[in-house]
Amino acid sequence: MFTLNKENPLFFDSEKLQSEFIRQASVCHGCRLCFNYCPAFPKMFEYTDKKGPAKLVLEDLFDIASDCFHCNMCFVNCPYTPPHEFNMDFPHLMSWAWLYYKSKKGLSLRDRLFEMLDSASLVRPIAKKFLDNGKELMGISKEAPSLRIDDRGFLKEVKPREIKDPVAKVVLFHTCLVENFYPEIGKDVVEVFNKLNIEVRTDNFSCCGAPMLDVGDAERLKKTAERNYNILKKYVEMGYDVVSPIPTCTLMLTKEYQYILDKEQIKVYDVMEYLMKLKKEGKVNWSGEMEKKVFYHPPCHLKYLKVGVPGVQAMRSLRLNVEISNMGCSGIDGGWGLRNYDKAKVVGAKMMDAFARNDAEIFATECPLAGLQIEKASGKKPVHPISLLKEAIKNDPSK
C-alpha cells in the first residue's frame, strides 16, 4: 500500500496519496482514540470537524505531517491495523506525505545539518562546540536538552575479542548515537556478549536513516538504507545475526527499509531481545544479583517492534525490583523534539513528571533520546539495561 522509495512511480502519485489520506482520516474521525497522542491528531480533527474528511486536500495533509514525529504509538494502539479490513497505517501515511512534501519543496540548511550525524565523527572538536553554542542556528529551543558528543567515538575505543567456538555470531549495528554520543552503550554490549561467548563483529555502517526521514530527505534516506542493507545482507549470508542497541535504529533496519528500498526485510534483533532469545534456548546464562529499585521507561519504538520488554526480563533475572513507567512518549524522538521543544515537552510531560517524582535508585531505558527528557526532569542520567547486566556479571562472586 505504501512506498517510501522516491524512485518508485507510486511515490509521486498525488491522487493516491490524497485518496489514502481521506480514507484513513475518515476512520480516525469516527474513532478518535489517538486524540491526545501528539499534535498531529488534534490538528487533523480540526480539519475534519471544519470541512469533513471528504474535502481534505494535500495541503491539509502536509500541515498535519509536520507535527508527526514518527513515534508510531498510533499504530501500536489502533484497533484497525492489519489484518483488520480497514487496513490502517497512519505512521506510514505520515512518512510518505512528509517525504513527498519535502521532495517537492526542498530542504533547508537546518534540515541538512540535522541529518549529518554521521559527519560528526569526522569533525568532533568542531561538532562539540557547535552543539554547545549552535542551538540558535539549528533552531533548537534553549530549553531543550543537549546532546553531548564523545571525544573519541565507539569504533576507536572498542575492539571485540576473538571468540573460539562461539555460541552465536552477531554483527553489531552500533548506530551513530552510540558512535558519537553514547559509546558506553556499545562498549557494554561488546563486553557482555564476549563474556557470554558470543562473537561480535563491527563495521563502518552509515546512520540508520531516521534523521533523514525526520527532515524529509527521501534521496539521502534511500542511499543510506541501500548501503546499510548491502552490508547487513553480506553478514546474514555469512551466518551472522544482526543486533542493534537502540530501538529506533532497530525499527528503521528491520521495518522501514522494506518500504524505503522496496526489498525484503532483514531481521534485526534488539540487543536485549537477542540475549533473552539465547537464554531461553539455553545457549547463554548469567548470574549475579543487584538488590536495587529500577524505574524503567519502555521506548515507543520497542513497543512498535512487538518484542515485549526483554530489558525488563533481563533486569528482573538479576533480582532487580523493576517498576515500568506507563506514562507515554518522551516527545523527543530525534531532531523533531529538539526543534519543536514547546510541543515535545507537552507530549512528554506525564513521563517526565513520573521520573521527577520517583525515588528509584536507578532509572533505565533503551532509548537515550528519551533519556534526555528523563535527565532533564530528574537530574539523574538513565542507563541502558545492558549496562546493568554488565555490572551484575562483572561483580558476580561466583565468577
Foldseek 3Di string as FASTA:
>chain_A
DFFLAPPDPVLQPQVVLLVVQLLQLLVCLVPVPCCPQWPLNVLSNVVCVVPNSVPDHLVSLQVSLLGDLLLQVCVLPPPQDPPHPSNDDVSRSSLSSLLNVCVVVDFDPLLVVQQVLVCCQVVVVVVQVCQVPVCVVNLFDPLAFTAHWDPHFQVVPDDQDDFDPALAEAEEPAASCCGTGNVVVVRLLSLVCVVQRYHYHYDDADHLQSSCSSRNPLVVSLVNLVVNVVVVVVVVVVRHAYEYLALVSQCSQAPVSCNSPVDHGHHYYHSLLVVVVCVVVVSGDAEFADAFEEEEEERSSVSVVVSPCSLVVLNVRRVYHYDYDPQHHQQPSGPSCRNPVVRSCVSRVRVLVVLQPDDTPAYEYSHVRSQSSVCSSHVDGHYYSSVVVSVRRVPPPVD
